[in-house]
C-alpha atoms as a PDB file:
ATOM      1  CA  UNK A   1      96.327 102.302  96.720  1.00  0.00           C
ATOM      2  CA  UNK A   2      97.485 102.073  93.122  1.00  0.00           C
ATOM      3  CA  UNK A   3      99.214  98.682  92.731  1.00  0.00           C
ATOM      4  CA  UNK A   4     101.094  99.542  89.519  1.00  0.00           C
ATOM      5  CA  UNK A   5     104.846  99.809  90.104  1.00  0.00           C
ATOM      6  CA  UNK A   6     106.605 102.958  88.886  1.00  0.00           C
ATOM      7  CA  UNK A   7     109.214 101.836  86.358  1.00  0.00           C
ATOM      8  CA  UNK A   8     112.777 102.828  87.245  1.00  0.00           C
ATOM      9  CA  UNK A   9     112.074 103.782  90.880  1.00  0.00           C
ATOM     10  CA  UNK A  10     113.904 101.891  93.618  1.00  0.00           C
ATOM     11  CA  UNK A  11     112.719 102.549  97.174  1.00  0.00           C
ATOM     12  CA  UNK A  12     114.253 101.257 100.410  1.00  0.00           C
ATOM     13  CA  UNK A  13     111.863 103.119 102.751  1.00  0.00           C
ATOM     14  CA  UNK A  14     110.088 100.119 104.235  1.00  0.00           C
ATOM     15  CA  UNK A  15     107.754 102.147 106.462  1.00  0.00           C
ATOM     16  CA  UNK A  16     106.167 103.936 103.457  1.00  0.00           C
ATOM     17  CA  UNK A  17     102.629 102.980 102.406  1.00  0.00           C
ATOM     18  CA  UNK A  18     103.765 102.713  98.769  1.00  0.00           C
ATOM     19  CA  UNK A  19     106.848 100.500  99.344  1.00  0.00           C
ATOM     20  CA  UNK A  20     106.765  96.909  98.067  1.00  0.00           C
ATOM     21  CA  UNK A  21     108.756  93.905  99.282  1.00  0.00           C
ATOM     22  CA  UNK A  22     110.886  94.048  96.111  1.00  0.00           C
ATOM     23  CA  UNK A  23     111.839  97.720  96.814  1.00  0.00           C
ATOM     24  CA  UNK A  24     109.509  99.205  94.213  1.00  0.00           C
ATOM     25  CA  UNK A  25     107.050 102.095  94.550  1.00  0.00           C
ATOM     26  CA  UNK A  26     103.324 101.794  93.800  1.00  0.00           C
ATOM     27  CA  UNK A  27     102.312 105.411  94.491  1.00  0.00           C
ATOM     28  CA  UNK A  28     101.309 106.008  90.866  1.00  0.00           C
ATOM     29  CA  UNK A  29     103.555 109.075  90.726  1.00  0.00           C
ATOM     30  CA  UNK A  30     106.107 110.668  93.033  1.00  0.00           C
ATOM     31  CA  UNK A  31     107.099 114.200  93.953  1.00  0.00           C
ATOM     32  CA  UNK A  32     110.731 114.809  94.868  1.00  0.00           C
ATOM     33  CA  UNK A  33     111.578 117.827  97.003  1.00  0.00           C
ATOM     34  CA  UNK A  34     114.618 119.320  98.628  1.00  0.00           C
ATOM     35  CA  UNK A  35     115.696 118.357 102.102  1.00  0.00           C
ATOM     36  CA  UNK A  36     116.774 121.348 104.188  1.00  0.00           C
ATOM     37  CA  UNK A  37     118.332 119.277 106.988  1.00  0.00           C
ATOM     38  CA  UNK A  38     120.168 116.903 104.625  1.00  0.00           C
ATOM     39  CA  UNK A  39     123.520 117.326 102.915  1.00  0.00           C
ATOM     40  CA  UNK A  40     123.676 119.387  99.718  1.00  0.00           C
ATOM     41  CA  UNK A  41     123.238 116.312  97.484  1.00  0.00           C
ATOM     42  CA  UNK A  42     120.236 114.747  99.243  1.00  0.00           C
ATOM     43  CA  UNK A  43     116.575 114.955  98.266  1.00  0.00           C
ATOM     44  CA  UNK A  44     113.393 113.687  99.864  1.00  0.00           C
ATOM     45  CA  UNK A  45     110.311 111.981  98.512  1.00  0.00           C
ATOM     46  CA  UNK A  46     107.395 114.312  99.223  1.00  0.00           C
ATOM     47  CA  UNK A  47     105.004 111.470  98.271  1.00  0.00           C
ATOM     48  CA  UNK A  48     106.039 109.476 101.379  1.00  0.00           C
ATOM     49  CA  UNK A  49     103.107 108.274 103.470  1.00  0.00           C
ATOM     50  CA  UNK A  50     103.645 106.354 106.718  1.00  0.00           C
ATOM     51  CA  UNK A  51     102.063 102.895 106.939  1.00  0.00           C
END
C-alpha cells in the first residue's frame, strides 16, 4: 500500500484499506463515481477496498 496521504482528501470510511486514523487517504489516487442508489447529490469512491 502507498503510504503517502492524498492532500485535500478527508475520508471517514474506517473499513477501507486506504483509510488512516487521522481520516486521510493513502490510496495514491482515487476514482469517484456516481451512486445509483444514493440521493442525487451523493457520489461514491470507486477506489474503496475493504480491509
